[in-house]
Amino acid sequence: MPAPADRSPGLSSGLAPGFSPGFSSGLPHRHLDPRLLRGFLVVAEELHFTRAAARLYVAQQALSRDIRRLERELGAELFVRTTRQVTLTADGERLVPYARRVLEAQDALLSAFTGDGPERPLLVDVNSPGLVSSRVLDRARALAPDCELMARFESGLTGAAGEILAGRLDASFGRFAGLDPAVRARLEQQPVRYEPMAVVLPEDHHLAGLDAVPLDALAGETVYAGAGNPRTREWTDLALHLFEGRGIALAPPAPVAVGADEFRRVMAKKRNPVLAVVDFPAMSETVRKPLVGPVPLSPVSLVWRKGLVHPGIDALRRAAGELAAEEGWLRRPADGWIPASDELVMVGQD
């Protein structure tokens, strides 16, 4: 038999039992977004809006707006703000344990119904060993040693995105703007790096002796960029943007070379330069040269399914943010180039 309405915990309001006394807003009859409580708790822990916003991956102005909204909905001032410090009020102190219980209950509910609890390994596509994605994964494992983060190698964000939406993969890395808009709408992303691009050449190619290869020097060349591979369409699209108007031809579709030995064999046979990034693994009988004039950039984002709740995702996001700050990955070079379609994505507006 259902419990009487006035004695039930009131999940629709987002409140734990016993929360309402002392607040003037009539809250038990309203809805409270748990996101506001999550922001409140981080500010309460940091007592610093800038640091709290960085932890939450939001703008400081947006976080301040959320706190003001929470204060209005509760009818209580939660923080005392001055130019020098932030402190909790008595009502703020009183809210902390209630907010923690609400969010713990929400996380438990989501884990129970989505299967995304911490007991499940997180499957992370890093594309190929040695790339920026591998460094993020290594840092995330160090940050969350109790989480099992399992590497997968999908070789292309287009293919990986399909696996993510099918529930066979949890996260990947790559060029988010290159995905179909309908696919992007079901995913979340966090910019990670403007990764300088390179070209891989046979070691006896006439450009192999250069320290860096100007894009103009590739005019008249036919460059391989994954054409015909349905799993790497975002990479081929990036190449088409880059080659446009520069006299560089896109190599026609070819069977995908799997493994270093096959890669070297196909390169020796076809002799086409291959579009890559500066962290592309070194291989014998080939040379990897950075591209310049301008410096083309591969926009790399961390990508995961919208609504996914898992401590491994939190660790990946934190790891990506830390490495980007330490290495300057999101500082775009003055002579850097990316397609116009990627601009908004890389500033977090798409």
Protein backbone atom coordinates (compact mmCIF):
# COMPACT_ATOMS: atom_id res chain seq x y z
CA MET A 1 0.00 0.00 0.00
CA PRO A 2 1.51 3.39 -0.99
CA ALA A 3 2.79 5.62 1.79
CA PRO A 4 0.76 8.78 2.46
CA ALA A 5 1.93 11.62 0.25
CA ASP A 6 2.82 13.88 3.17
CA ARG A 7 5.18 11.27 4.67
CA SER A 8 7.04 10.13 1.55
CA PRO A 9 10.61 11.38 0.90
CA GLY A 10 9.51 13.48 -2.06
CA LEU A 11 11.95 12.44 -4.79
CA SER A 12 10.35 14.90 -7.20
CA SER A 13 11.60 17.76 -5.05
CA GLY A 14 15.12 16.33 -4.87
CA LEU A 15 15.11 16.57 -1.04
CA ALA A 16 15.89 14.14 1.73
CA PRO A 17 13.24 13.68 4.46
CA GLY A 18 13.25 16.38 7.07
CA PHE A 19 14.86 19.04 4.88
CA SER A 20 12.04 21.57 4.78
CA PRO A 21 11.93 23.08 8.32
CA GLY A 22 13.26 26.61 8.45
CA PHE A 23 13.10 27.40 4.72
CA SER A 24 10.49 29.83 3.51
CA SER A 25 10.02 28.87 -0.13
CA GLY A 26 7.47 26.07 0.26
CA LEU A 27 10.05 23.79 -1.38
CA PRO A 28 8.33 20.40 -0.80
CA HIS A 29 5.80 21.44 -3.46
CA ARG A 30 8.45 22.43 -6.03
CA HIS A 31 11.17 20.77 -8.07
CA LEU A 32 14.85 21.28 -7.25
CA ASP A 33 17.49 20.47 -9.86
CA PRO A 34 20.15 18.21 -8.27
CA ARG A 35 22.73 19.94 -10.48
CA LEU A 36 22.33 23.03 -8.31
CA LEU A 37 23.12 20.99 -5.21
CA ARG A 38 26.20 19.50 -6.87
CA GLY A 39 27.48 22.98 -7.67
CA PHE A 40 26.72 24.12 -4.12
CA LEU A 41 28.71 21.25 -2.58
CA VAL A 42 31.78 21.92 -4.73
CA VAL A 43 31.74 25.62 -3.79
CA ALA A 44 31.26 24.62 -0.14
CA GLU A 45 34.34 22.39 -0.38
CA GLU A 46 36.53 24.87 -2.21
CA LEU A 47 35.20 28.13 -0.72
CA HIS A 48 36.41 29.66 -3.98
CA PHE A 49 34.19 30.14 -7.04
CA THR A 50 36.99 30.01 -9.64
CA ARG A 51 38.40 26.71 -8.36
CA ALA A 52 34.91 25.25 -8.00
CA ALA A 53 34.01 26.22 -11.57
CA ALA A 54 37.20 24.56 -12.85
CA ARG A 55 36.31 21.33 -11.02
CA LEU A 56 32.83 21.37 -12.55
CA TYR A 57 34.05 22.31 -16.06
CA VAL A 58 31.71 25.32 -16.20
CA ALA A 59 32.21 29.06 -16.47
CA GLN A 60 32.47 30.93 -13.17
CA GLN A 61 29.57 33.18 -14.18
CA ALA A 62 27.35 30.14 -14.81
CA LEU A 63 28.22 28.66 -11.42
CA SER A 64 27.50 31.97 -9.64
CA ARG A 65 24.16 32.12 -11.45
CA ASP A 66 23.28 28.59 -10.30
CA ILE A 67 24.12 29.39 -6.68
CA ARG A 68 21.93 32.50 -6.79
CA ARG A 69 19.11 30.41 -8.26
CA LEU A 70 19.48 27.81 -5.49
CA GLU A 71 19.40 30.57 -2.86
CA ARG A 72 16.20 31.97 -4.38
CA GLU A 73 14.54 28.54 -4.49
CA LEU A 74 15.46 27.78 -0.88
CA GLY A 75 14.74 31.30 0.37
CA ALA A 76 18.08 31.31 2.17
CA GLU A 77 21.49 32.88 1.75
CA LEU A 78 24.07 30.09 1.56
CA PHE A 79 27.36 31.97 1.23
CA VAL A 80 28.84 35.24 2.40
CA ARG A 81 30.87 36.63 -0.49
CA THR A 82 33.46 39.36 -0.20
CA THR A 83 36.23 40.41 -2.54
CA ARG A 84 38.68 38.42 -0.41
CA GLN A 85 36.86 35.28 0.69
CA VAL A 86 33.80 33.04 0.50
CA THR A 87 32.31 31.50 3.65
CA LEU A 88 29.27 29.37 4.39
CA THR A 89 26.35 30.90 6.27
CA ALA A 90 24.54 28.96 8.97
CA ASP A 91 21.94 27.88 6.38
CA GLY A 92 24.77 26.85 4.05
CA GLU A 93 26.29 24.68 6.78
CA ARG A 94 22.85 23.15 7.41
CA LEU A 95 22.33 22.38 3.73
CA VAL A 96 25.60 20.43 3.26
CA PRO A 97 24.55 17.05 4.75
CA TYR A 98 21.15 17.14 3.07
CA ALA A 99 22.70 17.92 -0.32
CA ARG A 100 25.17 15.07 0.07
CA ARG A 101 22.40 12.59 0.84
CA VAL A 102 20.32 13.71 -2.15
CA LEU A 103 23.23 13.38 -4.57
CA GLU A 104 24.31 10.03 -3.16
CA ALA A 105 20.76 8.77 -3.64
CA GLN A 106 20.63 10.14 -7.18
CA ASP A 107 23.96 8.52 -8.11
CA ALA A 108 22.85 5.20 -6.61
CA LEU A 109 19.57 5.32 -8.53
CA LEU A 110 21.28 6.08 -11.84
CA SER A 111 23.87 3.37 -11.29
CA ALA A 112 21.18 0.81 -10.48
CA PHE A 113 19.16 1.54 -13.62
CA THR A 114 21.86 2.32 -16.19
CA GLY A 115 24.45 -0.29 -15.25
CA ASP A 116 27.06 2.46 -15.08
CA GLY A 117 28.10 1.85 -11.48
CA PRO A 118 31.71 1.83 -10.35
CA GLU A 119 31.77 -1.97 -10.29
CA ARG A 120 31.62 -2.03 -14.12
CA PRO A 121 34.82 -1.48 -16.11
CA LEU A 122 34.86 1.64 -18.27
CA LEU A 123 35.74 0.84 -21.90
CA VAL A 124 37.88 3.63 -23.38
CA ASP A 125 38.90 3.78 -27.05
CA VAL A 126 42.36 5.31 -27.45
CA ASN A 127 42.47 4.74 -31.24
CA SER A 128 46.14 3.69 -31.37
CA PRO A 129 48.87 3.28 -28.73
CA GLY A 130 51.08 6.29 -28.04
CA LEU A 131 48.61 9.02 -28.95
CA VAL A 132 47.34 11.84 -26.71
CA SER A 133 44.42 9.63 -25.71
CA SER A 134 46.80 7.09 -24.16
CA ARG A 135 48.36 9.80 -22.00
CA VAL A 136 44.93 10.90 -20.77
CA LEU A 137 44.00 7.30 -19.98
CA ASP A 138 47.25 6.75 -18.06
CA ARG A 139 46.66 9.89 -15.97
CA ALA A 140 43.02 8.90 -15.32
CA ARG A 141 44.13 5.49 -14.04
CA ALA A 142 46.52 7.21 -11.63
CA LEU A 143 43.76 9.55 -10.45
CA ALA A 144 41.22 6.75 -9.92
CA PRO A 145 43.17 3.60 -9.03
CA ASP A 146 40.03 1.83 -7.81
CA CYS A 147 38.34 2.17 -11.22
CA GLU A 148 38.98 -0.34 -13.98
CA LEU A 149 39.60 1.64 -17.18
CA MET A 150 40.02 -0.76 -20.10
CA ALA A 151 41.68 0.38 -23.34
CA ARG A 152 40.14 -0.40 -26.70
CA PHE A 153 41.47 0.38 -30.19
CA GLU A 154 38.71 1.39 -32.61
CA SER A 155 40.81 3.45 -35.08
CA GLY A 156 38.39 6.27 -35.82
CA LEU A 157 35.87 8.37 -33.90
CA THR A 158 33.08 7.74 -36.41
CA GLY A 159 33.27 4.02 -35.74
CA ALA A 160 33.79 4.51 -32.03
CA ALA A 161 30.76 6.81 -31.75
CA GLY A 162 28.55 4.07 -33.16
CA GLU A 163 29.94 1.65 -30.57
CA ILE A 164 29.32 4.20 -27.79
CA LEU A 165 25.69 4.70 -28.80
CA ALA A 166 25.22 0.93 -29.03
CA GLY A 167 26.51 0.56 -25.45
CA ARG A 168 29.57 -1.47 -26.45
CA LEU A 169 32.02 1.32 -25.64
CA ASP A 170 31.97 4.18 -23.12
CA ALA A 171 34.37 6.87 -24.32
CA SER A 172 36.67 7.78 -27.18
CA PHE A 173 38.78 10.62 -28.54
CA GLY A 174 38.75 12.47 -31.84
CA ARG A 175 37.31 15.22 -33.98
CA PHE A 176 33.80 15.80 -32.62
CA ALA A 177 32.79 18.29 -35.33
CA GLY A 178 33.34 15.57 -37.94
CA LEU A 179 30.46 13.47 -36.63
CA ASP A 180 26.93 13.57 -37.99
CA PRO A 181 24.85 16.19 -36.09
CA ALA A 182 22.30 13.54 -35.09
CA VAL A 183 25.11 11.51 -33.51
CA ARG A 184 26.64 14.54 -31.79
CA ALA A 185 23.26 15.32 -30.19
CA ARG A 186 23.46 12.04 -28.23
CA LEU A 187 27.02 12.55 -27.02
CA GLU A 188 28.95 14.83 -24.67
CA GLN A 189 32.43 16.18 -25.41
CA GLN A 190 35.28 18.00 -23.73
CA PRO A 191 38.01 19.64 -25.85
CA VAL A 192 41.43 18.13 -25.07
CA ARG A 193 44.03 19.28 -27.58
CA TYR A 194 44.82 21.14 -30.76
CA GLU A 195 47.12 18.38 -32.03
CA PRO A 196 49.64 19.45 -34.72
CA MET A 197 49.40 17.37 -37.85
CA ALA A 198 52.20 15.62 -39.69
CA VAL A 199 52.90 13.59 -42.79
CA VAL A 200 54.44 10.12 -42.85
CA LEU A 201 56.73 9.54 -45.85
CA PRO A 202 58.81 6.69 -47.24
CA GLU A 203 62.34 7.31 -45.98
CA ASP A 204 63.60 7.88 -49.56
CA HIS A 205 60.82 10.34 -50.49
CA HIS A 206 62.11 13.62 -51.93
CA LEU A 207 60.58 15.54 -48.96
CA ALA A 208 61.96 13.19 -46.30
CA GLY A 209 65.10 15.28 -45.68
CA LEU A 210 63.17 18.37 -44.57
CA ASP A 211 62.83 19.20 -40.87
CA ALA A 212 59.21 20.18 -41.52
CA VAL A 213 57.11 19.90 -44.66
CA PRO A 214 55.36 23.07 -45.89
CA LEU A 215 51.82 22.38 -47.08
CA ASP A 216 52.71 24.00 -50.40
CA ALA A 217 55.37 21.32 -50.93
CA LEU A 218 52.62 18.68 -50.99
CA ALA A 219 51.00 20.28 -54.05
CA GLY A 220 50.84 17.62 -56.74
CA GLU A 221 51.11 14.78 -54.19
CA THR A 222 48.40 12.19 -53.55
CA VAL A 223 48.04 11.80 -49.77
CA TYR A 224 46.32 8.95 -47.98
CA ALA A 225 43.79 10.01 -45.30
CA GLY A 226 41.53 7.02 -44.79
CA ALA A 227 39.22 7.56 -47.78
CA GLY A 228 36.68 4.77 -48.01
CA ASN A 229 37.10 3.66 -44.40
CA PRO A 230 33.65 4.10 -42.79
CA ARG A 231 35.17 4.19 -39.30
CA THR A 232 37.38 7.25 -39.98
CA ARG A 233 35.09 9.55 -41.94
CA GLU A 234 35.79 12.47 -39.59
CA TRP A 235 39.52 12.21 -40.41
CA THR A 236 38.95 12.06 -44.17
CA ASP A 237 36.66 15.09 -43.89
CA LEU A 238 39.39 16.99 -42.03
CA ALA A 239 41.84 16.12 -44.82
CA LEU A 240 39.44 17.36 -47.50
CA HIS A 241 39.14 20.71 -45.70
CA LEU A 242 42.93 20.92 -45.44
CA PHE A 243 43.67 19.92 -49.05
CA GLU A 244 41.05 22.24 -50.59
CA GLY A 245 42.67 24.86 -52.80
CA ARG A 246 46.20 23.58 -52.16
CA GLY A 247 46.59 21.19 -55.08
CA ILE A 248 46.83 18.14 -52.80
CA ALA A 249 44.91 15.07 -53.97
CA LEU A 250 43.18 12.63 -51.65
CA ALA A 251 44.36 9.06 -52.21
CA PRO A 252 41.54 6.74 -53.31
CA PRO A 253 40.11 4.10 -51.01
CA ALA A 254 42.41 1.22 -50.15
CA PRO A 255 42.21 -1.79 -47.82
CA VAL A 256 42.91 -0.77 -44.24
CA ALA A 257 46.44 -1.78 -43.18
CA VAL A 258 46.30 -3.40 -39.74
CA GLY A 259 49.57 -3.46 -37.80
CA ALA A 260 53.00 -1.89 -38.36
CA ASP A 261 54.21 -4.55 -40.80
CA GLU A 262 51.20 -4.15 -43.07
CA PHE A 263 51.47 -0.36 -42.86
CA ARG A 264 55.10 -0.45 -44.01
CA ARG A 265 54.32 -2.95 -46.78
CA VAL A 266 51.45 -0.88 -48.17
CA MET A 267 53.47 2.35 -47.94
CA ALA A 268 56.38 0.76 -49.80
CA LYS A 269 54.00 -0.42 -52.51
CA LYS A 270 51.80 2.66 -52.90
CA ARG A 271 54.42 5.29 -51.87
CA ASN A 272 51.69 7.78 -50.96
CA PRO A 273 52.39 10.19 -48.10
CA VAL A 274 50.04 9.52 -45.18
CA LEU A 275 48.32 12.30 -43.22
CA ALA A 276 48.95 11.80 -39.49
CA VAL A 277 49.64 13.69 -36.24
CA VAL A 278 52.97 14.51 -34.63
CA ASP A 279 52.53 11.75 -32.02
CA PHE A 280 51.96 9.06 -34.65
CA PRO A 281 54.16 6.07 -33.69
CA ALA A 282 57.55 5.94 -35.42
CA MET A 283 58.00 3.05 -37.88
CA SER A 284 61.07 1.74 -39.65
CA GLU A 285 61.55 2.65 -43.33
CA THR A 286 59.38 5.75 -42.86
CA VAL A 287 59.85 9.28 -41.52
CA ARG A 288 57.29 11.48 -39.77
CA LYS A 289 57.52 15.21 -40.46
CA PRO A 290 55.43 18.04 -38.98
CA LEU A 291 53.39 20.12 -41.40
CA VAL A 292 53.79 23.91 -41.48
CA GLY A 293 52.75 27.00 -43.39
CA PRO A 294 50.19 27.13 -41.71
CA VAL A 295 50.35 24.51 -38.93
CA PRO A 296 47.29 22.29 -39.47
CA LEU A 297 45.69 21.14 -36.22
CA SER A 298 43.65 18.06 -35.47
CA PRO A 299 40.98 19.11 -32.92
CA VAL A 300 40.80 16.32 -30.32
CA SER A 301 37.93 15.96 -27.85
CA LEU A 302 37.08 13.41 -25.20
CA VAL A 303 33.66 12.00 -26.19
CA TRP A 304 31.19 9.94 -24.16
CA ARG A 305 27.51 8.99 -24.13
CA LYS A 306 25.16 11.69 -22.88
CA GLY A 307 23.90 10.88 -19.40
CA LEU A 308 26.67 8.40 -18.56
CA VAL A 309 27.42 8.37 -14.83
CA HIS A 310 30.68 6.63 -13.89
CA PRO A 311 33.65 7.67 -11.75
CA GLY A 312 35.92 6.66 -14.63
CA ILE A 313 34.42 9.39 -16.82
CA ASP A 314 35.04 11.89 -14.03
CA ALA A 315 38.67 10.72 -13.87
CA LEU A 316 39.10 10.98 -17.65
CA ARG A 317 37.69 14.52 -17.69
CA ARG A 318 39.92 15.58 -14.83
CA ALA A 319 42.96 13.94 -16.44
CA ALA A 320 42.28 15.66 -19.77
CA GLY A 321 41.89 19.02 -18.05
CA GLU A 322 45.09 18.62 -16.03
CA LEU A 323 47.20 17.57 -19.00
CA ALA A 324 45.77 20.29 -21.23
CA ALA A 325 46.71 22.90 -18.61
CA GLU A 326 50.17 21.46 -17.97
CA GLU A 327 51.09 20.95 -21.63
CA GLY A 328 49.29 23.94 -23.15
CA TRP A 329 47.27 21.61 -25.38
CA LEU A 330 44.41 24.09 -25.80
CA ARG A 331 46.61 27.08 -26.61
CA ARG A 332 46.14 27.45 -30.34
CA PRO A 333 49.32 28.49 -32.20
CA ALA A 334 49.21 31.89 -33.91
CA ASP A 335 49.72 30.19 -37.27
CA GLY A 336 47.44 27.24 -36.45
CA TRP A 337 44.67 26.14 -38.81
CA ILE A 338 41.43 24.27 -38.13
CA PRO A 339 38.22 24.20 -40.20
CA ALA A 340 35.64 26.85 -39.38
CA SER A 341 33.22 24.05 -38.47
CA ASP A 342 35.47 23.07 -35.54
CA GLU A 343 35.83 26.53 -34.01
CA LEU A 344 32.71 26.45 -31.81
CA VAL A 345 33.26 22.83 -30.80
CA MET A 346 36.72 23.57 -29.46
CA VAL A 347 35.49 26.44 -27.28
CA GLY A 348 32.74 24.24 -25.86
CA GLN A 349 29.78 25.86 -27.61
CA ASP A 350 28.60 22.84 -29.60
